[in-house]
Protein backbone atom coordinates (compact mmCIF):
# COMPACT_ATOMS: atom_id res chain seq x y z
CA MET A 1 85.27 71.22 143.96
CA ARG A 2 87.62 71.21 146.84
CA PRO A 3 86.31 70.79 149.91
CA GLN A 4 87.31 73.89 151.43
CA ASP A 5 86.02 75.78 148.45
CA ARG A 6 82.20 74.25 148.66
CA LEU A 7 79.61 76.36 149.93
CA ALA A 8 77.38 74.65 152.55
CA GLY A 9 73.50 74.13 150.98
CA ALA A 10 74.56 74.80 147.40
CA ASP A 11 74.87 70.94 146.77
CA PHE A 12 71.44 70.40 148.40
CA LEU A 13 69.84 73.25 146.40
CA ARG A 14 71.11 71.92 143.18
CA ALA A 15 69.91 68.69 143.86
CA MET A 16 66.43 69.73 144.89
CA ALA A 17 66.31 71.81 141.16
CA CYS A 18 67.14 68.72 139.37
CA LEU A 19 64.56 66.71 141.61
CA LEU A 20 61.90 69.60 141.56
CA VAL A 21 62.08 69.37 137.50
CA LEU A 22 62.32 65.68 137.31
CA ALA A 23 59.40 65.48 139.31
CA HIS A 24 57.50 67.67 137.43
CA HIS A 25 58.07 65.85 134.26
CA LEU A 26 56.86 62.42 135.32
CA ALA A 27 53.57 64.21 137.34
CA LEU A 28 52.98 65.52 133.72
CA ARG A 29 52.67 61.49 132.72
CA LEU A 30 49.99 60.94 135.42
CA ASP A 31 46.35 60.76 134.09
CA MET A 32 44.68 63.38 136.54
CA ARG A 33 41.14 62.07 135.40
CA ARG A 34 41.87 58.58 136.66
CA ILE A 35 43.62 59.54 140.40
CA PRO A 36 41.75 58.87 143.53
CA ASP A 37 40.36 62.73 145.05
CA GLU A 38 42.80 62.24 147.96
CA LEU A 39 46.04 62.09 145.84
CA ALA A 40 44.93 64.97 143.53
CA THR A 41 46.66 67.93 145.55
CA THR A 42 50.07 66.10 146.09
CA ALA A 43 50.03 65.17 142.22
CA ASN A 44 48.88 68.90 141.12
CA VAL A 45 51.90 70.17 143.63
CA LEU A 46 53.96 67.67 142.00
CA ARG A 47 53.31 69.50 138.59
CA PHE A 48 54.88 72.54 139.89
CA GLY A 49 58.38 71.24 140.14
CA ASN A 50 59.33 73.13 137.45
CA PHE A 51 59.75 75.81 139.97
CA GLY A 52 63.25 74.07 140.02
CA VAL A 53 64.23 75.90 136.93
CA ALA A 54 64.45 79.00 138.77
CA ILE A 55 66.65 77.53 141.59
CA PHE A 56 69.18 76.68 138.86
CA PHE A 57 69.11 80.50 137.74
CA VAL A 58 69.68 81.77 141.46
CA LEU A 59 72.13 79.44 142.13
CA SER A 60 74.06 80.08 138.73
CA GLY A 61 73.91 83.89 139.52
CA PHE A 62 75.15 83.44 143.01
CA LEU A 63 78.06 80.98 142.52
CA LEU A 64 79.21 82.74 139.46
CA ALA A 65 79.11 86.05 140.64
CA ARG A 66 80.99 85.73 143.56
CA PRO A 67 84.61 86.11 142.10
CA PHE A 68 83.49 89.26 140.20
CA TRP A 69 82.46 90.91 143.96
CA ARG A 70 85.36 89.50 145.61
CA ALA A 71 87.53 91.60 143.05
CA LEU A 72 85.51 94.24 142.94
CA ASP A 73 85.16 94.77 146.69
CA ALA A 74 89.36 94.18 146.62
CA GLY A 75 89.63 97.34 144.10
CA GLY A 76 91.52 94.41 141.88
CA ALA A 77 90.89 93.98 138.13
CA MET A 78 87.87 92.01 136.82
CA PRO A 79 88.41 88.08 136.69
CA SER A 80 89.54 86.73 133.27
CA LEU A 81 86.89 86.81 131.04
CA ARG A 82 88.34 84.40 128.88
CA HIS A 83 88.94 81.63 131.70
CA TYR A 84 84.93 82.64 132.74
CA ALA A 85 83.96 81.82 128.85
CA ILE A 86 86.36 78.61 128.76
CA ARG A 87 84.89 77.18 131.94
CA ARG A 88 81.36 77.91 131.23
CA SER A 89 81.32 76.68 127.75
CA ALA A 90 83.39 73.45 128.91
CA ARG A 91 80.49 72.65 131.72
CA ILE A 92 77.57 73.28 129.51
CA ALA A 93 78.45 72.98 125.53
CA PRO A 94 79.25 69.39 125.36
CA GLY A 95 76.47 68.13 127.46
CA PHE A 96 74.10 70.04 125.77
CA TRP A 97 75.20 69.57 122.33
CA VAL A 98 74.90 65.71 122.49
CA ALA A 99 71.72 65.88 124.03
CA ALA A 100 70.53 67.97 121.55
CA SER A 101 71.68 66.05 118.66
CA VAL A 102 70.33 62.54 120.10
CA GLY A 103 67.26 64.44 120.73
CA PHE A 104 67.14 65.54 116.99
CA VAL A 105 67.81 62.10 115.60
CA LEU A 106 64.85 60.79 117.57
CA ASP A 107 62.73 63.48 116.20
CA LEU A 108 63.38 62.38 112.86
CA THR A 109 63.57 58.52 113.76
CA LEU A 110 61.24 57.71 116.93
CA LEU A 111 58.77 60.92 116.23
CA ALA A 112 59.26 60.22 112.50
CA LEU A 113 58.80 63.92 112.05
CA PRO A 114 59.97 65.42 108.23
CA VAL A 115 63.20 67.06 107.83
CA THR A 116 61.86 70.59 107.43
CA PRO A 117 63.71 73.88 107.38
CA GLU A 118 62.21 74.91 110.54
CA LEU A 119 62.96 71.49 112.56
CA VAL A 120 66.72 72.46 111.07
CA VAL A 121 66.92 76.03 112.22
CA ARG A 122 65.53 75.08 115.83
CA TYR A 123 68.27 72.56 115.83
CA VAL A 124 70.94 74.83 114.61
CA SER A 125 69.82 77.50 116.82
CA GLY A 126 69.90 75.23 119.98
CA LEU A 127 73.39 74.69 118.96
CA LEU A 128 74.70 78.17 118.87
CA PHE A 129 72.39 78.83 122.25
CA MET A 130 70.53 81.45 120.10
CA SER A 131 67.45 79.55 120.37
CA GLN A 132 65.81 81.50 123.20
CA TRP A 133 65.05 85.03 121.18
CA HIS A 134 61.42 83.40 119.17
CA TRP A 135 59.10 81.36 120.09
CA ARG A 136 59.61 79.13 116.75
CA THR A 137 63.42 77.81 117.99
CA LEU A 138 62.57 78.42 121.74
CA PHE A 139 62.43 74.50 121.92
CA PRO A 140 65.54 73.23 119.98
CA VAL A 141 64.10 69.83 119.56
CA GLU A 142 60.91 68.02 120.08
CA ALA A 143 62.01 64.80 121.77
CA ASP A 144 63.71 66.87 124.79
CA GLY A 145 61.80 70.02 125.58
CA PRO A 146 63.62 70.85 128.80
CA LEU A 147 66.76 72.03 126.89
CA TRP A 148 64.82 75.09 126.07
CA SER A 149 66.54 76.54 129.51
CA ILE A 150 69.97 76.04 128.59
CA PRO A 151 70.32 78.87 125.84
CA PHE A 152 68.31 80.97 128.41
CA GLU A 153 70.86 80.47 131.11
CA ALA A 154 73.75 81.12 128.45
CA THR A 155 72.16 84.66 127.99
CA SER A 156 72.53 85.43 131.42
CA TYR A 157 76.28 83.85 131.70
CA VAL A 158 76.55 87.08 129.17
CA LEU A 159 74.92 89.38 130.96
CA LEU A 160 76.81 89.29 134.10
CA PRO A 161 79.78 89.86 133.30
CA ALA A 162 78.68 92.88 130.99
CA CYS A 163 76.74 94.28 134.09
CA PHE A 164 79.90 93.59 135.94
CA LEU A 165 82.12 95.76 133.36
CA LEU A 166 80.02 98.82 134.22
CA LEU A 167 80.44 98.40 137.86
CA PHE A 168 84.27 97.74 137.33
CA ARG A 169 84.43 100.60 135.00
CA TRP A 170 82.99 102.94 137.93
CA PRO A 171 85.66 103.90 140.35
CA PRO A 172 83.43 104.88 143.28
CA LEU A 173 81.94 101.57 143.51
CA ARG A 174 85.74 99.98 143.81
CA GLN A 175 86.20 98.89 147.83
CA ARG A 176 82.92 100.34 148.56
CA PRO A 177 80.97 97.34 149.16
CA PHE A 178 77.74 98.93 150.20
CA LEU A 179 77.64 101.12 147.20
CA ALA A 180 78.35 98.39 144.77
CA ARG A 181 75.40 96.40 146.14
CA PHE A 182 73.02 99.60 145.60
CA ALA A 183 74.55 99.64 142.05
CA TRP A 184 73.68 96.09 141.74
CA LEU A 185 70.21 96.67 143.04
CA CYS A 186 69.81 99.55 140.08
CA VAL A 187 70.84 97.15 137.39
CA ILE A 188 68.15 94.62 138.46
CA VAL A 189 65.58 97.59 138.41
CA VAL A 190 66.73 98.31 134.69
CA VAL A 191 66.40 94.62 134.12
CA LEU A 192 62.76 94.54 135.31
CA LEU A 193 62.08 97.70 133.10
CA ALA A 194 63.50 95.84 129.96
CA HIS A 195 61.43 93.03 130.74
CA LEU A 196 58.25 95.20 130.92
CA ALA A 197 59.12 96.71 127.57
CA ILE A 198 59.54 93.46 125.88
CA LEU A 199 56.12 92.35 127.08
CA SER A 200 54.70 95.62 125.89
CA LEU A 201 56.55 95.82 122.59
CA PHE A 202 56.45 91.74 121.73
CA ALA A 203 53.14 90.66 122.52
CA LEU A 204 52.23 87.54 120.06
CA ASP A 205 48.72 86.86 118.33
CA ASP A 206 46.58 84.06 119.06
CA ILE A 207 47.20 82.17 116.23
CA GLY A 208 48.61 78.48 116.68
CA ARG A 209 48.91 79.52 120.29
CA GLY A 210 48.75 77.03 123.33
CA TRP A 211 49.87 73.65 123.83
CA ALA A 212 47.48 71.74 121.74
CA TYR A 213 49.61 73.10 118.86
CA GLY A 214 52.77 71.22 120.32
CA LEU A 215 55.90 72.66 121.69
CA GLN A 216 56.10 75.38 119.51
CA GLY A 217 52.22 76.33 120.17
CA GLY A 218 53.62 75.79 123.95
CA ALA A 219 56.26 78.34 123.24
CA LYS A 220 54.14 80.87 121.84
CA GLU A 221 51.93 80.41 125.12
CA TRP A 222 54.79 80.92 127.18
CA MET A 223 56.26 84.05 124.83
CA PRO A 224 56.92 86.98 125.55
CA LYS A 225 56.72 86.41 129.46
CA TYR A 226 59.30 83.86 129.10
CA ASN A 227 61.94 86.05 127.58
CA PRO A 228 65.95 85.90 128.75
CA ILE A 229 66.11 89.34 129.85
CA GLY A 230 63.19 88.23 132.61
CA PHE A 231 64.95 85.35 133.24
CA PHE A 232 68.45 87.28 133.72
CA ALA A 233 66.27 89.18 136.73
CA VAL A 234 66.11 85.76 138.33
CA PHE A 235 69.77 85.40 137.79
CA ALA A 236 70.59 88.49 138.99
CA LEU A 237 69.00 87.86 142.29
CA GLY A 238 71.46 85.47 142.89
CA ALA A 239 74.35 87.35 142.00
CA LEU A 240 73.26 89.68 144.58
CA ALA A 241 72.79 87.27 147.25
CA ALA A 242 76.37 86.15 146.44
CA GLY A 243 77.66 89.83 146.89
CA ILE A 244 75.78 89.99 150.43
CA GLU A 245 76.99 86.62 151.09
CA ILE A 246 80.48 87.57 150.95
CA MET A 247 80.01 90.75 153.22
CA LEU A 248 79.25 88.61 156.15
CA PRO A 249 81.48 87.67 158.69
CA ALA A 250 83.30 84.03 157.98
CA ARG A 251 82.16 82.50 161.33
CA ARG A 252 79.33 80.24 161.17
CA SER A 253 76.32 80.93 163.62
CA SER A 254 72.93 78.98 164.70
CA TRP A 255 71.20 82.15 163.82
CA PHE A 256 72.16 81.43 160.26
CA ASP A 257 70.52 77.72 160.73
CA ALA A 258 67.23 79.41 161.74
CA VAL A 259 66.94 82.11 158.68
CA ALA A 260 68.00 78.97 156.54
CA LEU A 261 65.10 76.85 157.92
CA LEU A 262 62.77 79.93 157.63
CA ALA A 263 63.45 80.56 153.93
CA LEU A 264 63.20 77.35 152.96
CA ALA A 265 59.67 76.87 154.42
CA THR A 266 58.95 80.43 152.30
CA ALA A 267 60.08 78.91 149.46
CA GLY A 268 58.20 75.40 150.18
CA PHE A 269 55.30 77.49 151.28
CA ARG A 270 55.43 79.56 147.70
CA LEU A 271 55.39 76.29 145.62
CA LEU A 272 52.56 74.72 147.79
CA ILE A 273 50.40 77.56 147.01
CA SER A 274 50.57 77.58 143.22
CA PRO A 275 48.06 75.10 142.30
CA GLY A 276 44.79 76.86 141.36
CA GLY A 277 47.01 79.21 139.31
CA SER A 278 48.88 79.42 136.36
CA ALA A 279 50.75 76.03 135.40
CA GLU A 280 54.06 78.38 135.06
CA GLY A 281 53.36 80.19 138.38
CA TYR A 282 53.65 83.54 137.11
CA GLY A 283 54.71 86.03 140.01
CA TRP A 284 55.32 89.80 139.70
CA LEU A 285 55.53 91.27 136.32
CA ASP A 286 54.61 88.30 134.97
CA ILE A 287 57.80 86.65 135.40
CA PRO A 288 57.43 82.88 136.10
CA TYR A 289 58.15 80.52 139.13
CA GLY A 290 56.86 82.73 141.83
CA PHE A 291 58.98 85.71 141.13
CA PRO A 292 60.20 87.60 143.50
CA VAL A 293 59.11 85.66 146.58
CA PHE A 294 60.53 81.95 145.57
CA PRO A 295 63.82 83.30 143.90
CA LEU A 296 64.17 85.51 147.26
CA ALA A 297 63.66 82.55 149.55
CA VAL A 298 66.34 80.85 147.64
CA ALA A 299 68.49 83.28 147.46
CA THR A 300 67.93 83.87 151.36
CA ALA A 301 68.61 79.68 151.92
CA LEU A 302 71.70 79.99 150.03
CA VAL A 303 73.20 83.14 151.86
CA SER A 304 72.22 81.72 155.13
CA LEU A 305 73.30 77.90 154.63
CA SER A 306 76.68 78.92 153.54
CA HIS A 307 76.89 80.47 157.04
CA SER A 308 74.97 77.93 159.05
CA GLN A 309 76.33 76.04 162.00
CA TYR A 310 74.70 72.42 161.54
CA LEU A 311 72.23 72.76 158.75
CA GLY A 312 74.04 73.27 155.55
CA ARG A 313 76.28 70.56 156.29
CA LEU A 314 73.69 68.13 157.47
CA LEU A 315 72.06 68.84 153.70
CA ASP A 316 74.74 68.54 152.07
CA ASN A 317 75.27 64.70 152.81
CA ALA A 318 76.83 62.09 150.50
CA PRO A 319 73.75 61.00 148.42
CA VAL A 320 73.20 64.87 147.72
CA ARG A 321 76.13 65.78 147.18
CA TYR A 322 76.15 62.79 144.14
CA ILE A 323 72.94 64.05 142.80
CA ALA A 324 74.28 67.55 142.73
CA LYS A 325 77.36 66.28 140.97
CA ILE A 326 75.10 64.40 138.06
CA SER A 327 72.25 67.00 138.17
CA PHE A 328 72.81 68.68 134.62
CA GLY A 329 72.98 64.92 133.09
CA ILE A 330 69.58 64.29 134.77
CA TYR A 331 68.26 67.60 133.41
CA ILE A 332 69.51 67.52 130.16
CA TRP A 333 68.48 63.67 129.47
CA GLN A 334 65.30 62.80 131.50
CA GLU A 335 63.09 63.89 129.00
CA ILE A 336 64.74 61.80 126.06
CA ILE A 337 64.38 58.61 128.53
CA LEU A 338 60.75 59.36 129.39
CA THR A 339 59.98 59.79 125.51
CA LEU A 340 61.68 56.40 124.78
CA ILE A 341 59.85 54.65 127.56
CA GLN A 342 56.36 56.36 126.54
CA ARG A 343 56.98 55.32 122.81
CA LEU A 344 58.45 52.11 123.36
CA ASP A 345 55.75 50.97 125.73
CA PRO A 346 52.25 52.98 125.22
CA GLY A 347 50.75 51.48 128.37
CA SER A 348 53.69 52.97 130.38
CA PHE A 349 52.85 55.37 133.36
CA GLY A 350 49.38 53.96 134.10
CA ALA A 351 47.92 54.23 130.68
CA SER A 352 47.02 50.54 130.23
CA SER A 353 46.99 50.14 134.26
CA ALA A 354 43.62 49.27 136.04
CA ASN A 355 45.26 50.96 139.01
CA VAL A 356 46.50 54.14 137.21
CA VAL A 357 48.84 55.19 140.35
CA THR A 358 50.25 51.97 140.87
CA GLY A 359 51.03 51.89 137.35
CA TRP A 360 52.56 55.00 137.16
CA LEU A 361 54.95 54.59 140.17
CA GLN A 362 56.12 51.38 138.45
CA SER A 363 57.16 53.43 135.20
CA CYS A 364 58.60 56.08 137.35
CA GLY A 365 60.72 53.79 139.41
CA LEU A 366 62.40 52.54 136.12
CA THR A 367 62.75 55.88 134.62
CA VAL A 368 64.79 57.34 137.64
CA ALA A 369 66.78 54.56 137.53
CA LEU A 370 67.75 55.09 133.65
CA VAL A 371 68.14 58.81 134.22
CA PHE A 372 70.39 58.28 137.09
CA LEU A 373 72.29 55.72 135.15
CA VAL A 374 72.51 57.71 132.00
CA ALA A 375 73.08 61.16 134.10
CA SER A 376 76.33 59.24 135.67
CA LEU A 377 77.57 57.91 132.12
CA SER A 378 77.07 61.63 130.96
CA TYR A 379 79.02 62.88 133.96
CA TYR A 380 81.91 60.74 133.89
CA LEU A 381 82.46 59.76 130.13
CA LEU A 382 81.36 63.19 128.34
CA GLU A 383 80.97 66.50 131.07
CA ARG A 384 83.75 65.63 133.51
CA PRO A 385 86.80 65.28 130.79
CA ALA A 386 85.09 68.51 129.17
CA ILE A 387 85.22 70.46 132.69
CA ASP A 388 88.80 68.84 133.29
CA PHE A 389 89.97 70.22 129.97
CA GLY A 390 88.82 73.53 130.70
CA ASN A 391 90.39 73.70 133.67
CA ARG A 392 93.79 72.70 132.33
CA LEU A 393 93.20 75.38 129.94
CA THR A 394 92.55 77.93 132.50
CA SER A 395 95.05 76.74 134.98
CA SER A 396 98.08 79.54 134.23
CA PRO A 397 97.14 82.82 136.36
CA PRO A 398 95.19 85.29 134.55
CA ASP A 399 96.73 88.50 132.95
CA ARG A 400 95.81 91.11 135.49
CA ALA A 401 97.25 93.80 133.53
CA THR A 402 94.94 93.37 130.52
CA PRO A 403 91.71 91.63 132.21
CA PHE A 404 89.27 92.31 129.22
CA LYS A 405 91.49 91.22 126.57
CA VAL A 406 90.10 87.70 125.34
């Protein structure tokens, strides 16, 4: 991204999202029964680093919706769906496919799982970004659980332009920003109603349900509360925030610094009060990760940081920008590295240490170093070449006369 196109605060939130998820998976390796009481609260909070997934959804909705809002407000044609699809595919698919394939190989070798039709169907449905529609396939591979969220997000990639298509096809919304934002609020209401319908119509039985039955048991525990439509509600909040952000004056103000601080504090507070509730942080309408308070706070932070006078640029420092750059690699490779460490060294993460916290910290240090190394290699050798290729394919001006022809 060119410096002049960079939105202040976006890199910080992306970096925080991937680090929270990494902290969550590291905390899951800590034996809570053996840690000192004074550290129990901190360890429990770290387990709610899974809230980072919600940040990713809000951030993606925010960034991807901005071109659509600008075109709608200008009364122009809808941005090229062909360009949109190529760039999204180039950004997500190569890294996801390689990580899923490595995970599948580890399933058959390191984890010694038998080659069953169900295991293959899970893997193939993941490669096709279709694993999100059933609990049996929700986790594409055993060795890389976090990959579950990528097909969920891919659904939002499809629903976002589909919903904007409705807005572009209704002439009264063109060049009427306030009316268009109200229409998007109506879209969110419809999405929430659809989520409620899914909860009612697709309830699951208790046979083989729960994390004691492995990842598929955990998937059955999550669904139908975890469904692509409910997650699109989180994504759509980010899209609404983008619509609000581009309506604001371009000038920066210290008032936005204050609002950003308040929003970040609210998000942090919602995460801090999560211990004691469900591990998924179910919020309103049983949507996970503190819905709607946490995603609304993140969306507010995005809007305000992008117009802040000092805080956005302060938070988007060089180390943060680098973490944000390799964040996708951090997300898709961390569980594979954790699985390898635990399988190759059963005493890791304090399992065989007299001081469980010290042993856990040592293993965490090794994990973080390896994750950053592999994520960097993934970005420069795999993701960036794919991104550049996608950019070359879409470098010519889109055909504005036929914006829906793909």
